[in-house]
PDB file of N, CA and C in Angstrom:
ATOM      1  N   MET A   1       0.499  -1.535  -0.146  1.00  0.00           N
ATOM      2  CA  MET A   1       0.040   0.261  -0.280  1.00  0.00           C
ATOM      3  C   MET A   1       0.884   1.089  -0.124  1.00  0.00           C
ATOM      4  N   VAL A   2       0.120   1.959  -1.391  1.00  0.00           N
ATOM      5  CA  VAL A   2       1.462   3.242  -0.878  1.00  0.00           C
ATOM      6  C   VAL A   2       0.542   4.398   0.170  1.00  0.00           C
ATOM      7  N   VAL A   3       0.640   6.141   0.873  1.00  0.00           N
ATOM      8  CA  VAL A   3       0.092   7.243   0.743  1.00  0.00           C
ATOM      9  C   VAL A   3      -0.207   7.243  -0.100  1.00  0.00           C
ATOM     10  N   THR A   4      -1.694   7.536  -0.423  1.00  0.00           N
ATOM     11  CA  THR A   4      -2.697   8.515  -0.290  1.00  0.00           C
ATOM     12  C   THR A   4      -2.129  10.042  -0.212  1.00  0.00           C
ATOM     13  N   GLU A   5      -2.236  10.447  -2.082  1.00  0.00           N
ATOM     14  CA  GLU A   5      -2.711  11.865  -2.372  1.00  0.00           C
ATOM     15  C   GLU A   5      -3.632  12.361  -2.101  1.00  0.00           C
ATOM     16  N   VAL A   6      -4.617  13.656  -1.141  1.00  0.00           N
ATOM     17  CA  VAL A   6      -5.879  14.022  -1.060  1.00  0.00           C
ATOM     18  C   VAL A   6      -6.318  14.795  -0.831  1.00  0.00           C
ATOM     19  N   LYS A   7      -6.923  15.950  -1.034  1.00  0.00           N
ATOM     20  CA  LYS A   7      -7.637  16.439  -1.848  1.00  0.00           C
ATOM     21  C   LYS A   7      -8.822  17.411  -0.935  1.00  0.00           C
ATOM     22  N   ASP A   8      -9.001  18.911  -1.327  1.00  0.00           N
ATOM     23  CA  ASP A   8      -9.920  18.729  -0.572  1.00  0.00           C
ATOM     24  C   ASP A   8     -11.688  18.356  -0.767  1.00  0.00           C
ATOM     25  N   GLN A   9     -11.145  18.177  -1.959  1.00  0.00           N
ATOM     26  CA  GLN A   9     -12.472  17.545  -2.995  1.00  0.00           C
ATOM     27  C   GLN A   9     -12.703  15.548  -2.522  1.00  0.00           C
ATOM     28  N   ASP A  10     -11.905  15.378  -1.931  1.00  0.00           N
ATOM     29  CA  ASP A  10     -11.123  13.811  -2.218  1.00  0.00           C
ATOM     30  C   ASP A  10     -11.883  12.963  -0.816  1.00  0.00           C
ATOM     31  N   PHE A  11     -11.343  14.564   0.408  1.00  0.00           N
ATOM     32  CA  PHE A  11     -11.838  13.839   1.673  1.00  0.00           C
ATOM     33  C   PHE A  11     -12.266  12.948   2.090  1.00  0.00           C
ATOM     34  N   ASN A  12     -14.231  13.669   1.883  1.00  0.00           N
ATOM     35  CA  ASN A  12     -14.494  12.691   2.921  1.00  0.00           C
ATOM     36  C   ASN A  12     -15.292  10.940   1.741  1.00  0.00           C
ATOM     37  N   SER A  13     -14.395  10.662   0.915  1.00  0.00           N
ATOM     38  CA  SER A  13     -14.587   9.252   0.147  1.00  0.00           C
ATOM     39  C   SER A  13     -13.663   8.694   0.972  1.00  0.00           C
ATOM     40  N   GLU A  14     -12.060   9.703   0.435  1.00  0.00           N
ATOM     41  CA  GLU A  14     -10.588   8.867   0.963  1.00  0.00           C
ATOM     42  C   GLU A  14     -11.133   8.698   3.023  1.00  0.00           C
ATOM     43  N   VAL A  15     -11.111  10.384   3.580  1.00  0.00           N
ATOM     44  CA  VAL A  15     -11.219   9.596   4.850  1.00  0.00           C
ATOM     45  C   VAL A  15     -12.492   9.179   5.428  1.00  0.00           C
ATOM     46  N   LEU A  16     -13.167   9.770   5.329  1.00  0.00           N
ATOM     47  CA  LEU A  16     -14.879   9.322   6.142  1.00  0.00           C
ATOM     48  C   LEU A  16     -15.632   8.283   5.728  1.00  0.00           C
ATOM     49  N   GLN A  17     -15.338   8.298   4.370  1.00  0.00           N
ATOM     50  CA  GLN A  17     -16.714   7.403   3.930  1.00  0.00           C
ATOM     51  C   GLN A  17     -15.444   6.005   4.292  1.00  0.00           C
ATOM     52  N   SER A  18     -14.235   5.562   4.521  1.00  0.00           N
ATOM     53  CA  SER A  18     -13.251   4.260   5.006  1.00  0.00           C
ATOM     54  C   SER A  18     -13.832   3.304   6.246  1.00  0.00           C
ATOM     55  N   ASP A  19     -13.671   2.236   5.894  1.00  0.00           N
ATOM     56  CA  ASP A  19     -14.244   0.722   6.487  1.00  0.00           C
ATOM     57  C   ASP A  19     -13.037   0.669   7.632  1.00  0.00           C
ATOM     58  N   ILE A  20     -11.506   1.680   7.521  1.00  0.00           N
ATOM     59  CA  ILE A  20     -10.251   0.864   8.253  1.00  0.00           C
ATOM     60  C   ILE A  20     -10.158   1.897   9.074  1.00  0.00           C
ATOM     61  N   ILE A  21      -8.707   1.988   9.375  1.00  0.00           N
ATOM     62  CA  ILE A  21      -8.257   3.336  10.519  1.00  0.00           C
ATOM     63  C   ILE A  21      -7.395   3.927   9.067  1.00  0.00           C
ATOM     64  N   VAL A  22      -8.181   5.870   8.444  1.00  0.00           N
ATOM     65  CA  VAL A  22      -7.135   6.314   8.093  1.00  0.00           C
ATOM     66  C   VAL A  22      -6.352   6.933   9.302  1.00  0.00           C
ATOM     67  N   PHE A  23      -5.180   7.367   8.779  1.00  0.00           N
ATOM     68  CA  PHE A  23      -3.811   8.201   9.118  1.00  0.00           C
ATOM     69  C   PHE A  23      -3.500   8.895   8.077  1.00  0.00           C
ATOM     70  N   ALA A  24      -3.969  10.231   8.476  1.00  0.00           N
ATOM     71  CA  ALA A  24      -3.982  11.436   7.348  1.00  0.00           C
ATOM     72  C   ALA A  24      -2.513  12.128   8.406  1.00  0.00           C
ATOM     73  N   CYS A  25      -1.828  12.563   7.873  1.00  0.00           N
ATOM     74  CA  CYS A  25      -0.810  13.288   7.591  1.00  0.00           C
ATOM     75  C   CYS A  25      -0.744  15.008   6.981  1.00  0.00           C
ATOM     76  N   PHE A  26      -1.105  15.894   8.165  1.00  0.00           N
ATOM     77  CA  PHE A  26      -1.193  17.169   7.104  1.00  0.00           C
ATOM     78  C   PHE A  26      -0.059  17.653   7.254  1.00  0.00           C
ATOM     79  N   THR A  27       0.634  18.347   5.874  1.00  0.00           N
ATOM     80  CA  THR A  27       1.776  18.619   6.065  1.00  0.00           C
ATOM     81  C   THR A  27       1.836  20.073   4.272  1.00  0.00           C
ATOM     82  N   ALA A  28       2.932  20.703   5.142  1.00  0.00           N
ATOM     83  CA  ALA A  28       3.489  21.851   4.143  1.00  0.00           C
ATOM     84  C   ALA A  28       4.488  21.997   3.167  1.00  0.00           C
ATOM     85  N   PRO A  29       4.814  21.815   1.517  1.00  0.00           N
ATOM     86  CA  PRO A  29       5.742  21.927   1.116  1.00  0.00           C
ATOM     87  C   PRO A  29       7.383  23.011   2.602  1.00  0.00           C
ATOM     88  N   TRP A  30       6.656  24.216   2.599  1.00  0.00           N
ATOM     89  CA  TRP A  30       7.921  24.130   3.501  1.00  0.00           C
ATOM     90  C   TRP A  30       8.498  24.331   4.881  1.00  0.00           C
ATOM     91  N   CYS A  31       7.790  23.123   5.194  1.00  0.00           N
ATOM     92  CA  CYS A  31       8.116  22.019   6.645  1.00  0.00           C
ATOM     93  C   CYS A  31       9.333  20.690   6.728  1.00  0.00           C
ATOM     94  N   SER A  32      10.099  21.497   6.985  1.00  0.00           N
ATOM     95  CA  SER A  32      11.227  20.784   7.194  1.00  0.00           C
ATOM     96  C   SER A  32      11.349  19.538   8.216  1.00  0.00           C
ATOM     97  N   SER A  33      10.244  19.441   9.051  1.00  0.00           N
ATOM     98  CA  SER A  33       9.858  18.200   9.494  1.00  0.00           C
ATOM     99  C   SER A  33       9.108  17.541   9.397  1.00  0.00           C
ATOM    100  N   CYS A  34       8.187  18.333   8.099  1.00  0.00           N
ATOM    101  CA  CYS A  34       7.132  17.332   7.576  1.00  0.00           C
ATOM    102  C   CYS A  34       7.605  16.224   6.998  1.00  0.00           C
ATOM    103  N   PHE A  35       9.315  16.159   5.637  1.00  0.00           N
ATOM    104  CA  PHE A  35       9.484  15.325   5.299  1.00  0.00           C
ATOM    105  C   PHE A  35       9.696  13.999   6.245  1.00  0.00           C
ATOM    106  N   PRO A  36      10.779  13.981   7.129  1.00  0.00           N
ATOM    107  CA  PRO A  36      10.923  13.026   7.373  1.00  0.00           C
ATOM    108  C   PRO A  36       9.654  12.006   7.475  1.00  0.00           C
ATOM    109  N   THR A  37       8.792  12.279   8.707  1.00  0.00           N
ATOM    110  CA  THR A  37       7.294  12.103   8.892  1.00  0.00           C
ATOM    111  C   THR A  37       6.823  11.217   7.708  1.00  0.00           C
ATOM    112  N   CYS A  38       7.137  12.329   6.712  1.00  0.00           N
ATOM    113  CA  CYS A  38       6.420  11.599   5.743  1.00  0.00           C
ATOM    114  C   CYS A  38       7.199  10.076   4.955  1.00  0.00           C
ATOM    115  N   ILE A  39       8.166   9.946   5.020  1.00  0.00           N
ATOM    116  CA  ILE A  39       8.897   8.368   5.082  1.00  0.00           C
ATOM    117  C   ILE A  39       8.654   7.862   6.482  1.00  0.00           C
ATOM    118  N   SER A  40       8.616   8.047   7.549  1.00  0.00           N
ATOM    119  CA  SER A  40       7.831   7.267   8.267  1.00  0.00           C
ATOM    120  C   SER A  40       6.727   6.885   8.442  1.00  0.00           C
ATOM    121  N   ALA A  41       5.900   7.247   7.473  1.00  0.00           N
ATOM    122  CA  ALA A  41       4.583   7.773   6.783  1.00  0.00           C
ATOM    123  C   ALA A  41       4.913   6.396   5.759  1.00  0.00           C
ATOM    124  N   ASN A  42       5.191   6.147   5.325  1.00  0.00           N
ATOM    125  CA  ASN A  42       5.019   5.533   3.771  1.00  0.00           C
ATOM    126  C   ASN A  42       5.809   4.510   3.915  1.00  0.00           C
ATOM    127  N   ARG A  43       6.980   4.232   5.176  1.00  0.00           N
ATOM    128  CA  ARG A  43       7.232   2.290   5.619  1.00  0.00           C
ATOM    129  C   ARG A  43       6.179   2.053   6.151  1.00  0.00           C
ATOM    130  N   LEU A  44       5.501   2.464   7.500  1.00  0.00           N
ATOM    131  CA  LEU A  44       4.550   2.307   7.824  1.00  0.00           C
ATOM    132  C   LEU A  44       3.245   1.809   7.411  1.00  0.00           C
ATOM    133  N   ALA A  45       2.980   2.732   6.068  1.00  0.00           N
ATOM    134  CA  ALA A  45       2.025   1.764   5.675  1.00  0.00           C
ATOM    135  C   ALA A  45       2.152   0.601   4.547  1.00  0.00           C
ATOM    136  N   LYS A  46       3.416   0.632   3.492  1.00  0.00           N
ATOM    137  CA  LYS A  46       3.694  -1.108   4.204  1.00  0.00           C
ATOM    138  C   LYS A  46       3.399  -1.888   5.163  1.00  0.00           C
ATOM    139  N   GLU A  47       3.236  -1.291   6.570  1.00  0.00           N
ATOM    140  CA  GLU A  47       3.858  -1.972   7.306  1.00  0.00           C
ATOM    141  C   GLU A  47       2.727  -3.331   7.579  1.00  0.00           C
ATOM    142  N   TYR A  48       1.019  -1.803   8.016  1.00  0.00           N
ATOM    143  CA  TYR A  48      -0.080  -1.413   7.927  1.00  0.00           C
ATOM    144  C   TYR A  48      -0.749  -2.005   6.681  1.00  0.00           C
ATOM    145  N   ASP A  49      -0.638  -2.319   5.666  1.00  0.00           N
ATOM    146  CA  ASP A  49      -1.879  -3.336   4.339  1.00  0.00           C
ATOM    147  C   ASP A  49      -2.563  -3.447   4.716  1.00  0.00           C
ATOM    148  N   ARG A  50      -3.863  -2.602   4.401  1.00  0.00           N
ATOM    149  CA  ARG A  50      -4.902  -3.645   4.664  1.00  0.00           C
ATOM    150  C   ARG A  50      -5.206  -3.285   5.737  1.00  0.00           C
ATOM    151  N   ARG A  51      -4.928  -2.434   6.851  1.00  0.00           N
ATOM    152  CA  ARG A  51      -5.626  -2.952   8.118  1.00  0.00           C
ATOM    153  C   ARG A  51      -5.643  -0.987   8.639  1.00  0.00           C
ATOM    154  N   VAL A  52      -4.722  -0.545   7.954  1.00  0.00           N
ATOM    155  CA  VAL A  52      -4.723   1.019   8.085  1.00  0.00           C
ATOM    156  C   VAL A  52      -4.800   2.729   7.137  1.00  0.00           C
ATOM    157  N   LYS A  53      -5.851   3.334   6.739  1.00  0.00           N
ATOM    158  CA  LYS A  53      -5.221   3.546   5.187  1.00  0.00           C
ATOM    159  C   LYS A  53      -4.367   4.508   5.870  1.00  0.00           C
ATOM    160  N   PHE A  54      -3.513   4.831   4.652  1.00  0.00           N
ATOM    161  CA  PHE A  54      -2.039   5.764   4.884  1.00  0.00           C
ATOM    162  C   PHE A  54      -2.462   8.157   4.264  1.00  0.00           C
ATOM    163  N   VAL A  55      -3.686   8.772   4.205  1.00  0.00           N
ATOM    164  CA  VAL A  55      -3.324   9.498   3.736  1.00  0.00           C
ATOM    165  C   VAL A  55      -2.662  10.952   3.424  1.00  0.00           C
ATOM    166  N   ARG A  56      -2.556  12.037   3.162  1.00  0.00           N
ATOM    167  CA  ARG A  56      -1.550  12.554   3.087  1.00  0.00           C
ATOM    168  C   ARG A  56      -1.872  13.574   2.199  1.00  0.00           C
ATOM    169  N   CYS A  57      -2.110  15.323   3.612  1.00  0.00           N
ATOM    170  CA  CYS A  57      -2.941  16.471   2.570  1.00  0.00           C
ATOM    171  C   CYS A  57      -1.733  17.914   2.763  1.00  0.00           C
ATOM    172  N   ASP A  58      -1.252  17.694   1.647  1.00  0.00           N
ATOM    173  CA  ASP A  58      -1.231  19.140   1.581  1.00  0.00           C
ATOM    174  C   ASP A  58      -1.743  20.335   1.607  1.00  0.00           C
ATOM    175  N   ILE A  59      -1.231  21.489   2.879  1.00  0.00           N
ATOM    176  CA  ILE A  59      -2.441  22.460   2.763  1.00  0.00           C
ATOM    177  C   ILE A  59      -2.835  22.886   2.075  1.00  0.00           C
ATOM    178  N   GLY A  60      -1.507  23.534   0.596  1.00  0.00           N
ATOM    179  CA  GLY A  60      -1.947  23.814  -0.686  1.00  0.00           C
ATOM    180  C   GLY A  60      -3.774  23.369  -0.847  1.00  0.00           C
ATOM    181  N   GLN A  61      -3.977  21.766  -1.139  1.00  0.00           N
ATOM    182  CA  GLN A  61      -4.586  20.890  -1.188  1.00  0.00           C
ATOM    183  C   GLN A  61      -5.974  20.976  -0.507  1.00  0.00           C
ATOM    184  N   CYS A  62      -5.990  21.306   1.273  1.00  0.00           N
ATOM    185  CA  CYS A  62      -6.532  20.768   1.705  1.00  0.00           C
ATOM    186  C   CYS A  62      -6.370  21.896   2.420  1.00  0.00           C
ATOM    187  N   THR A  63      -7.244  23.167   1.375  1.00  0.00           N
ATOM    188  CA  THR A  63      -7.067  24.261   2.722  1.00  0.00           C
ATOM    189  C   THR A  63      -8.038  23.999   3.174  1.00  0.00           C
ATOM    190  N   GLU A  64      -9.825  24.260   2.846  1.00  0.00           N
ATOM    191  CA  GLU A  64     -10.439  23.528   3.390  1.00  0.00           C
ATOM    192  C   GLU A  64     -11.236  22.967   4.541  1.00  0.00           C
ATOM    193  N   VAL A  65     -10.621  21.488   4.318  1.00  0.00           N
ATOM    194  CA  VAL A  65     -10.243  20.340   6.009  1.00  0.00           C
ATOM    195  C   VAL A  65      -9.490  21.209   6.788  1.00  0.00           C
ATOM    196  N   ALA A  66      -7.809  21.636   6.745  1.00  0.00           N
ATOM    197  CA  ALA A  66      -7.280  22.402   6.864  1.00  0.00           C
ATOM    198  C   ALA A  66      -8.002  22.890   8.134  1.00  0.00           C
ATOM    199  N   LYS A  67      -8.727  24.382   7.283  1.00  0.00           N
ATOM    200  CA  LYS A  67      -9.522  24.876   8.470  1.00  0.00           C
ATOM    201  C   LYS A  67     -10.882  24.101   9.672  1.00  0.00           C
ATOM    202  N   ARG A  68     -11.404  23.660   7.999  1.00  0.00           N
ATOM    203  CA  ARG A  68     -12.746  22.371   9.365  1.00  0.00           C
ATOM    204  C   ARG A  68     -12.077  21.527  10.605  1.00  0.00           C
ATOM    205  N   TYR A  69     -11.118  21.334  10.629  1.00  0.00           N
ATOM    206  CA  TYR A  69     -10.001  20.709  12.018  1.00  0.00           C
ATOM    207  C   TYR A  69      -9.274  21.140  12.478  1.00  0.00           C
ATOM    208  N   GLY A  70      -8.776  22.540  12.674  1.00  0.00           N
ATOM    209  CA  GLY A  70      -8.356  23.497  13.088  1.00  0.00           C
ATOM    210  C   GLY A  70      -6.774  23.133  12.653  1.00  0.00           C
ATOM    211  N   ILE A  71      -5.765  22.490  11.805  1.00  0.00           N
ATOM    212  CA  ILE A  71      -4.466  22.149  11.437  1.00  0.00           C
ATOM    213  C   ILE A  71      -3.838  24.000  11.321  1.00  0.00           C
ATOM    214  N   GLY A  72      -2.883  23.728  12.382  1.00  0.00           N
ATOM    215  CA  GLY A  72      -1.678  25.110  11.222  1.00  0.00           C
ATOM    216  C   GLY A  72      -0.614  24.744  12.395  1.00  0.00           C
ATOM    217  N   VAL A  73       0.481  23.517  12.535  1.00  0.00           N
ATOM    218  CA  VAL A  73       0.572  23.328  12.861  1.00  0.00           C
ATOM    219  C   VAL A  73       1.160  21.977  12.021  1.00  0.00           C
ATOM    220  N   PHE A  74       2.463  21.607  11.813  1.00  0.00           N
ATOM    221  CA  PHE A  74       3.298  21.247  10.624  1.00  0.00           C
ATOM    222  C   PHE A  74       4.158  20.347  11.333  1.00  0.00           C
ATOM    223  N   PRO A  75       3.760  19.222  11.368  1.00  0.00           N
ATOM    224  CA  PRO A  75       2.756  17.845  10.432  1.00  0.00           C
ATOM    225  C   PRO A  75       1.857  18.176  11.551  1.00  0.00           C
ATOM    226  N   THR A  76       0.563  18.041  11.390  1.00  0.00           N
ATOM    227  CA  THR A  76      -0.392  16.992  12.182  1.00  0.00           C
ATOM    228  C   THR A  76      -0.761  15.707  11.654  1.00  0.00           C
ATOM    229  N   ILE A  77      -1.216  15.221  12.600  1.00  0.00           N
ATOM    230  CA  ILE A  77      -1.552  12.747  12.231  1.00  0.00           C
ATOM    231  C   ILE A  77      -2.626  13.576  12.485  1.00  0.00           C
ATOM    232  N   LEU A  78      -3.893  12.384  11.728  1.00  0.00           N
ATOM    233  CA  LEU A  78      -5.161  12.885  12.881  1.00  0.00           C
ATOM    234  C   LEU A  78      -5.207  11.397  12.323  1.00  0.00           C
ATOM    235  N   LEU A  79      -5.747  10.640  13.242  1.00  0.00           N
ATOM    236  CA  LEU A  79      -5.984   9.707  13.659  1.00  0.00           C
ATOM    237  C   LEU A  79      -7.873   9.312  13.263  1.00  0.00           C
ATOM    238  N   PHE A  80      -8.783   8.750  12.260  1.00  0.00           N
ATOM    239  CA  PHE A  80      -9.787   8.865  12.309  1.00  0.00           C
ATOM    240  C   PHE A  80     -10.601   7.322  12.151  1.00  0.00           C
ATOM    241  N   ARG A  81     -11.381   6.830  12.566  1.00  0.00           N
ATOM    242  CA  ARG A  81     -12.633   5.647  12.834  1.00  0.00           C
ATOM    243  C   ARG A  81     -13.819   6.682  12.831  1.00  0.00           C
ATOM    244  N   ASN A  82     -14.473   5.177  11.743  1.00  0.00           N
ATOM    245  CA  ASN A  82     -15.764   5.829  11.573  1.00  0.00           C
ATOM    246  C   ASN A  82     -16.141   7.181  11.598  1.00  0.00           C
ATOM    247  N   SER A  83     -14.931   7.527  10.585  1.00  0.00           N
ATOM    248  CA  SER A  83     -15.316   9.214  10.320  1.00  0.00           C
ATOM    249  C   SER A  83     -14.994  10.154  11.114  1.00  0.00           C
ATOM    250  N   GLU A  84     -14.673  10.056  12.122  1.00  0.00           N
ATOM    251  CA  GLU A  84     -14.214  10.639  13.391  1.00  0.00           C
ATOM    252  C   GLU A  84     -13.083  10.831  13.773  1.00  0.00           C
ATOM    253  N   ILE A  85     -12.597  11.560  14.238  1.00  0.00           N
ATOM    254  CA  ILE A  85     -10.707  11.756  14.785  1.00  0.00           C
ATOM    255  C   ILE A  85     -10.882  10.560  16.421  1.00  0.00           C
ATOM    256  N   VAL A  86     -10.273  10.589  16.515  1.00  0.00           N
ATOM    257  CA  VAL A  86      -9.887   9.489  17.471  1.00  0.00           C
ATOM    258  C   VAL A  86      -8.389  10.302  18.312  1.00  0.00           C
ATOM    259  N   LYS A  87      -7.975  10.578  17.788  1.00  0.00           N
ATOM    260  CA  LYS A  87      -6.389  11.314  18.384  1.00  0.00           C
ATOM    261  C   LYS A  87      -5.531  12.451  17.087  1.00  0.00           C
ATOM    262  N   LYS A  88      -5.044  12.568  18.019  1.00  0.00           N
ATOM    263  CA  LYS A  88      -4.418  14.126  16.362  1.00  0.00           C
ATOM    264  C   LYS A  88      -2.967  14.025  17.619  1.00  0.00           C
ATOM    265  N   VAL A  89      -1.610  14.335  16.497  1.00  0.00           N
ATOM    266  CA  VAL A  89      -1.070  13.684  17.177  1.00  0.00           C
ATOM    267  C   VAL A  89      -0.084  16.044  15.865  1.00  0.00           C
ATOM    268  N   VAL A  90       0.821  16.350  17.373  1.00  0.00           N
ATOM    269  CA  VAL A  90       1.896  17.298  16.587  1.00  0.00           C
ATOM    270  C   VAL A  90       2.616  17.640  16.551  1.00  0.00           C
ATOM    271  N   GLY A  91       3.122  17.468  15.423  1.00  0.00           N
ATOM    272  CA  GLY A  91       4.462  17.877  15.660  1.00  0.00           C
ATOM    273  C   GLY A  91       5.399  16.197  14.934  1.00  0.00           C
ATOM    274  N   PHE A  92       6.765  17.023  14.870  1.00  0.00           N
ATOM    275  CA  PHE A  92       7.425  14.976  14.570  1.00  0.00           C
ATOM    276  C   PHE A  92       7.747  14.218  15.277  1.00  0.00           C
ATOM    277  N   LYS A  93       7.115  12.705  15.008  1.00  0.00           N
ATOM    278  CA  LYS A  93       7.807  11.854  15.923  1.00  0.00           C
ATOM    279  C   LYS A  93       7.798  10.530  15.255  1.00  0.00           C
ATOM    280  N   GLU A  94       8.963   9.794  15.789  1.00  0.00           N
ATOM    281  CA  GLU A  94      10.088   9.062  15.379  1.00  0.00           C
ATOM    282  C   GLU A  94       8.602   8.170  14.932  1.00  0.00           C
ATOM    283  N   LYS A  95       9.032   6.899  13.773  1.00  0.00           N
ATOM    284  CA  LYS A  95       8.583   5.558  13.065  1.00  0.00           C
ATOM    285  C   LYS A  95       7.818   5.006  14.553  1.00  0.00           C
ATOM    286  N   HIS A  96       9.155   5.411  15.775  1.00  0.00           N
ATOM    287  CA  HIS A  96       8.460   3.478  16.767  1.00  0.00           C
ATOM    288  C   HIS A  96       7.015   4.018  17.805  1.00  0.00           C
ATOM    289  N   SER A  97       7.926   5.846  17.673  1.00  0.00           N
ATOM    290  CA  SER A  97       5.694   6.458  18.048  1.00  0.00           C
ATOM    291  C   SER A  97       4.256   6.602  17.381  1.00  0.00           C
ATOM    292  N   LEU A  98       4.939   6.777  16.294  1.00  0.00           N
ATOM    293  CA  LEU A  98       3.597   6.384  14.954  1.00  0.00           C
ATOM    294  C   LEU A  98       3.058   5.045  15.381  1.00  0.00           C
ATOM    295  N   ARG A  99       4.289   3.750  15.059  1.00  0.00           N
ATOM    296  CA  ARG A  99       3.504   2.108  15.608  1.00  0.00           C
ATOM    297  C   ARG A  99       3.107   2.390  15.989  1.00  0.00           C
ATOM    298  N   ARG A 100       3.406   2.995  17.893  1.00  0.00           N
ATOM    299  CA  ARG A 100       3.146   2.528  18.987  1.00  0.00           C
ATOM    300  C   ARG A 100       1.803   2.702  18.768  1.00  0.00           C
ATOM    301  N   LEU A 101       1.207   4.411  18.352  1.00  0.00           N
ATOM    302  CA  LEU A 101      -0.134   4.489  18.487  1.00  0.00           C
ATOM    303  C   LEU A 101      -1.079   3.557  17.580  1.00  0.00           C
ATOM    304  N   LEU A 102      -1.023   3.404  16.575  1.00  0.00           N
ATOM    305  CA  LEU A 102      -1.043   2.563  15.744  1.00  0.00           C
ATOM    306  C   LEU A 102      -1.878   1.471  16.089  1.00  0.00           C
ATOM    307  N   LYS A 103      -0.675   1.143  16.505  1.00  0.00           N
ATOM    308  CA  LYS A 103      -0.611  -1.241  17.707  1.00  0.00           C
ATOM    309  C   LYS A 103      -2.466  -0.636  18.247  1.00  0.00           C
ATOM    310  N   ALA A 104      -1.836   0.057  19.492  1.00  0.00           N
ATOM    311  CA  ALA A 104      -2.774   1.039  20.213  1.00  0.00           C
ATOM    312  C   ALA A 104      -4.220   0.709  19.992  1.00  0.00           C
ATOM    313  N   TYR A 105      -4.407   1.574  18.960  1.00  0.00           N
ATOM    314  CA  TYR A 105      -5.922   1.450  18.111  1.00  0.00           C
ATOM    315  C   TYR A 105      -6.468   0.538  17.408  1.00  0.00           C
ATOM    316  N   LEU A 106      -5.661  -0.096  16.694  1.00  0.00           N
ATOM    317  CA  LEU A 106      -5.581  -1.427  15.984  1.00  0.00           C
ATOM    318  C   LEU A 106      -6.654  -2.522  17.028  1.00  0.00           C
ATOM    319  N   GLN A 107      -5.749  -1.898  18.359  1.00  0.00           N
ATOM    320  CA  GLN A 107      -6.009  -3.032  19.000  1.00  0.00           C
ATOM    321  C   GLN A 107      -6.925  -2.819  20.018  1.00  0.00           C
ATOM    322  N   GLU A 108      -8.246  -1.323  20.440  1.00  0.00           N
ATOM    323  CA  GLU A 108      -9.333  -1.413  20.682  1.00  0.00           C
ATOM    324  C   GLU A 108     -10.344  -2.327  20.389  1.00  0.00           C
TER     325      GLU A 108
END
């Protein structure tokens, strides 16, 4: 599985209507800590194939969604389950921290 690039118009169908947990990473092109977070997300997407859906929302393409969820710091990760936010993580996190987060929500 790969990380899907999502825009405002795709967000509802790709994220809110997903039948599995969605890891939505909000990034900005000028954000220096977004790149390593995106690399970690790409690696985790392979590990959690078919159990977690990974999407990336570039602020330039997801301005309405970012406003809706109050995204102002990058990167911001939102975990969605059944169209609801179950966890919000702000700022760079290492891959092992993100893996621990996902394991916790997959075991519930």
